[in-house]
Protein backbone atom coordinates (compact mmCIF):
# COMPACT_ATOMS: atom_id res chain seq x y z
CA UNK A 1 0.10 0.00 0.07
CA UNK A 2 2.81 2.43 0.76
CA UNK A 3 4.43 1.80 -2.61
CA UNK A 4 1.12 2.43 -4.45
CA UNK A 5 0.77 5.90 -2.49
CA UNK A 6 4.32 6.82 -3.41
CA UNK A 7 4.01 5.88 -7.01
CA UNK A 8 0.75 7.84 -7.21
CA UNK A 9 2.37 10.89 -5.43
CA UNK A 10 5.32 10.74 -7.82
CA UNK A 11 3.02 10.66 -10.88
CA UNK A 12 0.83 13.61 -9.78
CA UNK A 13 3.97 15.74 -8.84
CA UNK A 14 5.65 15.04 -12.22
CA UNK A 15 2.50 15.68 -14.24
CA UNK A 16 1.81 18.95 -12.68
CA UNK A 17 4.88 20.66 -14.19
CA UNK A 18 5.18 22.02 -17.70
CA UNK A 19 6.27 19.49 -20.48
CA UNK A 20 9.58 20.00 -22.15
CA UNK A 21 9.98 19.86 -25.93
CA UNK A 22 13.41 18.63 -26.83
CA UNK A 23 15.27 18.93 -30.10
CA UNK A 24 17.29 15.95 -31.74
CA UNK A 25 20.27 16.76 -29.51
CA UNK A 26 18.21 16.63 -26.39
CA UNK A 27 18.46 20.32 -25.85
CA UNK A 28 15.32 22.10 -24.66
CA UNK A 29 13.45 23.68 -27.53
CA UNK A 30 10.52 24.94 -25.54
CA UNK A 31 7.81 24.28 -22.98
CA UNK A 32 4.13 23.32 -23.05
CA UNK A 33 2.47 24.71 -20.00
CA UNK A 34 -0.62 23.32 -18.08
CA UNK A 35 -2.97 25.96 -19.64
CA UNK A 36 -1.90 24.87 -23.19
CA UNK A 37 0.41 27.82 -23.65
CA UNK A 38 3.54 27.15 -25.92
CA UNK A 39 6.92 28.83 -24.95
CA UNK A 40 10.31 28.78 -26.60
CA UNK A 41 13.41 28.11 -24.64
CA UNK A 42 13.59 31.81 -23.65
CA UNK A 43 10.18 31.55 -21.97
CA UNK A 44 8.72 33.75 -24.68
CA UNK A 45 5.01 32.79 -25.65
CA UNK A 46 4.83 31.52 -29.23
CA UNK A 47 1.47 29.96 -29.24
């Protein structure tokens, strides 16, 4: 039961942050925020 709780807590914590978009060299190309806003690597809104 303790493992299930820790797994659920970890999943919720990770999914609450913005998703990162990476290029082919695994560098950060941008971010997708929770509200659907798309930002480039300099945090400027592009969509």
